[in-house]
Amino acid sequence: MKFKEFWNILQTELSQGKNFKTLKQKKKFSAQFEFNTHGAPTIKIITDVGNPRGPIQSNEFEGVWDNAKGLSRETRFLNHKKRLEPYSKKKEGIGKSMQVSYITALIEHIVQDQDMA
């Protein structure tokens, strides 16, 4: 599966809010597709506890995607440290994504056993 295909499927699937759990810590969250004030497609994350999360744009997803593509499902999001490291953003992104737990859960939900190209 290529990133654009994933992003299109994710937008469609999250047109209505949906519940998920993070892969490592199993924290519950919900995600919903929306457009930001500039008309860019984003994914809104809502958690039960903790700080509110800002919307996640495609460049953050693509940064994580690029780090995971080509790896097997079992090793895509493994980290030898205690927690996932932030991944760089793609395309006009500055800094690193700090929403990796949510992004990886959503990627895994859509991609599952498929190869990532």
C-alpha atoms as a PDB file:
ATOM      1  CA  MET A   1       0.000   0.000   0.000  1.00  0.00           C
ATOM      2  CA  LYS A   2       1.256   3.482  -0.800  1.00  0.00           C
ATOM      3  CA  PHE A   3       0.860   6.460   1.522  1.00  0.00           C
ATOM      4  CA  LYS A   4      -1.723   8.289  -0.624  1.00  0.00           C
ATOM      5  CA  GLU A   5      -3.931   5.196  -0.691  1.00  0.00           C
ATOM      6  CA  PHE A   6      -3.622   4.869   3.098  1.00  0.00           C
ATOM      7  CA  TRP A   7      -4.447   8.559   3.640  1.00  0.00           C
ATOM      8  CA  ASN A   8      -7.560   8.335   1.433  1.00  0.00           C
ATOM      9  CA  ILE A   9      -8.812   5.211   3.240  1.00  0.00           C
ATOM     10  CA  LEU A  10      -8.136   6.805   6.635  1.00  0.00           C
ATOM     11  CA  GLN A  11     -10.101   9.938   5.727  1.00  0.00           C
ATOM     12  CA  THR A  12     -13.070   7.862   4.571  1.00  0.00           C
ATOM     13  CA  GLU A  13     -13.003   5.555   7.585  1.00  0.00           C
ATOM     14  CA  LEU A  14     -12.773   8.440  10.044  1.00  0.00           C
ATOM     15  CA  SER A  15     -15.536  10.553   8.471  1.00  0.00           C
ATOM     16  CA  GLN A  16     -17.422   9.505  11.616  1.00  0.00           C
ATOM     17  CA  GLY A  17     -15.506   9.344  14.903  1.00  0.00           C
ATOM     18  CA  LYS A  18     -14.104   5.936  15.808  1.00  0.00           C
ATOM     19  CA  ASN A  19     -12.504   4.477  18.960  1.00  0.00           C
ATOM     20  CA  PHE A  20      -8.994   2.996  19.106  1.00  0.00           C
ATOM     21  CA  LYS A  21      -6.232   1.992  21.543  1.00  0.00           C
ATOM     22  CA  THR A  22      -2.537   2.826  21.263  1.00  0.00           C
ATOM     23  CA  LEU A  23      -0.377  -0.171  20.335  1.00  0.00           C
ATOM     24  CA  LYS A  24       2.009  -0.182  23.265  1.00  0.00           C
ATOM     25  CA  GLN A  25       0.211   1.250  26.289  1.00  0.00           C
ATOM     26  CA  LYS A  26      -3.357   0.410  25.149  1.00  0.00           C
ATOM     27  CA  LYS A  27      -4.589   3.934  25.941  1.00  0.00           C
ATOM     28  CA  LYS A  28      -8.054   4.632  24.591  1.00  0.00           C
ATOM     29  CA  PHE A  29      -8.618   7.480  22.152  1.00  0.00           C
ATOM     30  CA  SER A  30     -11.016   8.448  19.423  1.00  0.00           C
ATOM     31  CA  ALA A  31     -10.122   9.837  16.027  1.00  0.00           C
ATOM     32  CA  GLN A  32     -12.135  11.761  13.458  1.00  0.00           C
ATOM     33  CA  PHE A  33     -11.340  13.298  10.087  1.00  0.00           C
ATOM     34  CA  GLU A  34     -11.902  17.043   9.704  1.00  0.00           C
ATOM     35  CA  PHE A  35     -10.634  20.052   7.776  1.00  0.00           C
ATOM     36  CA  ASN A  36      -8.678  22.725   9.638  1.00  0.00           C
ATOM     37  CA  THR A  37      -9.353  26.462   9.290  1.00  0.00           C
ATOM     38  CA  HIS A  38      -7.155  26.586   6.164  1.00  0.00           C
ATOM     39  CA  GLY A  39      -9.056  23.737   4.509  1.00  0.00           C
ATOM     40  CA  ALA A  40      -6.289  21.154   5.002  1.00  0.00           C
ATOM     41  CA  PRO A  41      -7.397  17.617   5.922  1.00  0.00           C
ATOM     42  CA  THR A  42      -6.452  16.617   9.470  1.00  0.00           C
ATOM     43  CA  ILE A  43      -7.174  13.893  11.988  1.00  0.00           C
ATOM     44  CA  LYS A  44      -8.549  15.061  15.330  1.00  0.00           C
ATOM     45  CA  ILE A  45      -7.520  12.988  18.363  1.00  0.00           C
ATOM     46  CA  ILE A  46      -9.587  12.973  21.541  1.00  0.00           C
ATOM     47  CA  THR A  47      -8.287  11.264  24.686  1.00  0.00           C
ATOM     48  CA  ASP A  48      -9.983  10.514  27.995  1.00  0.00           C
ATOM     49  CA  VAL A  49      -7.131  11.899  30.074  1.00  0.00           C
ATOM     50  CA  GLY A  50      -4.140  14.149  29.647  1.00  0.00           C
ATOM     51  CA  ASN A  51      -3.580  17.234  27.566  1.00  0.00           C
ATOM     52  CA  PRO A  52      -5.790  17.899  24.540  1.00  0.00           C
ATOM     53  CA  ARG A  53      -4.129  16.822  21.296  1.00  0.00           C
ATOM     54  CA  GLY A  54      -3.850  19.093  18.317  1.00  0.00           C
ATOM     55  CA  PRO A  55      -5.001  17.960  14.891  1.00  0.00           C
ATOM     56  CA  ILE A  56      -2.565  15.713  13.017  1.00  0.00           C
ATOM     57  CA  GLN A  57      -1.825  16.621   9.414  1.00  0.00           C
ATOM     58  CA  SER A  58      -0.769  14.219   6.680  1.00  0.00           C
ATOM     59  CA  ASN A  59       2.899  15.271   6.876  1.00  0.00           C
ATOM     60  CA  GLU A  60       3.136  13.828  10.397  1.00  0.00           C
ATOM     61  CA  PHE A  61       1.589  10.552   9.260  1.00  0.00           C
ATOM     62  CA  GLU A  62       3.913  10.452   6.251  1.00  0.00           C
ATOM     63  CA  GLY A  63       7.000  10.929   8.428  1.00  0.00           C
ATOM     64  CA  VAL A  64       6.055   7.895  10.526  1.00  0.00           C
ATOM     65  CA  TRP A  65       5.073   6.010   7.353  1.00  0.00           C
ATOM     66  CA  ASP A  66       8.503   6.578   5.791  1.00  0.00           C
ATOM     67  CA  ASN A  67      10.214   5.197   8.899  1.00  0.00           C
ATOM     68  CA  ALA A  68       8.004   2.102   8.957  1.00  0.00           C
ATOM     69  CA  LYS A  69       7.690   1.229   5.271  1.00  0.00           C
ATOM     70  CA  GLY A  70       9.579  -1.786   4.054  1.00  0.00           C
ATOM     71  CA  LEU A  71       9.521  -3.412   7.496  1.00  0.00           C
ATOM     72  CA  SER A  72       7.405  -6.401   8.485  1.00  0.00           C
ATOM     73  CA  ARG A  73       4.288  -5.860  10.571  1.00  0.00           C
ATOM     74  CA  GLU A  74       6.094  -7.346  13.594  1.00  0.00           C
ATOM     75  CA  THR A  75       8.962  -4.836  13.438  1.00  0.00           C
ATOM     76  CA  ARG A  76       7.360  -1.674  11.978  1.00  0.00           C
ATOM     77  CA  PHE A  77       6.942   0.200  15.223  1.00  0.00           C
ATOM     78  CA  LEU A  78       9.370  -1.589  17.526  1.00  0.00           C
ATOM     79  CA  ASN A  79      11.689   0.544  19.559  1.00  0.00           C
ATOM     80  CA  HIS A  80      14.452  -0.786  21.764  1.00  0.00           C
ATOM     81  CA  LYS A  81      13.866   2.075  24.196  1.00  0.00           C
ATOM     82  CA  LYS A  82      10.954   2.291  26.605  1.00  0.00           C
ATOM     83  CA  ARG A  83       8.846   4.583  24.410  1.00  0.00           C
ATOM     84  CA  LEU A  84       8.447   5.430  20.756  1.00  0.00           C
ATOM     85  CA  GLU A  85      10.710   8.177  19.532  1.00  0.00           C
ATOM     86  CA  PRO A  86       9.206  11.182  17.768  1.00  0.00           C
ATOM     87  CA  TYR A  87       9.425  10.949  13.991  1.00  0.00           C
ATOM     88  CA  SER A  88      10.236  13.765  11.602  1.00  0.00           C
ATOM     89  CA  LYS A  89       7.402  15.402   9.705  1.00  0.00           C
ATOM     90  CA  LYS A  90       7.347  15.385   5.890  1.00  0.00           C
ATOM     91  CA  LYS A  91       6.612  18.146   3.373  1.00  0.00           C
ATOM     92  CA  GLU A  92       6.759  21.621   4.824  1.00  0.00           C
ATOM     93  CA  GLY A  93       6.882  20.174   8.321  1.00  0.00           C
ATOM     94  CA  ILE A  94       9.146  21.658  10.921  1.00  0.00           C
ATOM     95  CA  GLY A  95      10.141  19.719  13.983  1.00  0.00           C
ATOM     96  CA  LYS A  96       9.046  16.253  14.949  1.00  0.00           C
ATOM     97  CA  SER A  97       5.699  14.596  15.473  1.00  0.00           C
ATOM     98  CA  MET A  98       4.923  14.035  19.141  1.00  0.00           C
ATOM     99  CA  GLN A  99       1.738  12.123  18.312  1.00  0.00           C
ATOM    100  CA  VAL A 100       3.479   8.908  17.293  1.00  0.00           C
ATOM    101  CA  SER A 101       1.405   6.603  19.527  1.00  0.00           C
ATOM    102  CA  TYR A 102      -1.816   7.712  17.864  1.00  0.00           C
ATOM    103  CA  ILE A 103      -0.363   7.733  14.358  1.00  0.00           C
ATOM    104  CA  THR A 104       1.055   4.207  14.643  1.00  0.00           C
ATOM    105  CA  ALA A 105      -2.266   2.854  15.967  1.00  0.00           C
ATOM    106  CA  LEU A 106      -4.129   4.386  13.012  1.00  0.00           C
ATOM    107  CA  ILE A 107      -1.579   3.171  10.454  1.00  0.00           C
ATOM    108  CA  GLU A 108      -1.680  -0.346  11.911  1.00  0.00           C
ATOM    109  CA  HIS A 109      -5.497  -0.298  11.864  1.00  0.00           C
ATOM    110  CA  ILE A 110      -5.622   0.457   8.127  1.00  0.00           C
ATOM    111  CA  VAL A 111      -2.519  -1.350   6.823  1.00  0.00           C
ATOM    112  CA  GLN A 112      -2.560  -4.494   8.995  1.00  0.00           C
ATOM    113  CA  ASP A 113      -0.668  -7.248   7.082  1.00  0.00           C
ATOM    114  CA  GLN A 114      -0.181  -5.304   3.851  1.00  0.00           C
ATOM    115  CA  ASP A 115       3.227  -4.104   2.739  1.00  0.00           C
ATOM    116  CA  MET A 116       3.911  -0.391   3.009  1.00  0.00           C
ATOM    117  CA  ALA A 117       5.536   1.168  -0.048  1.00  0.00           C
END
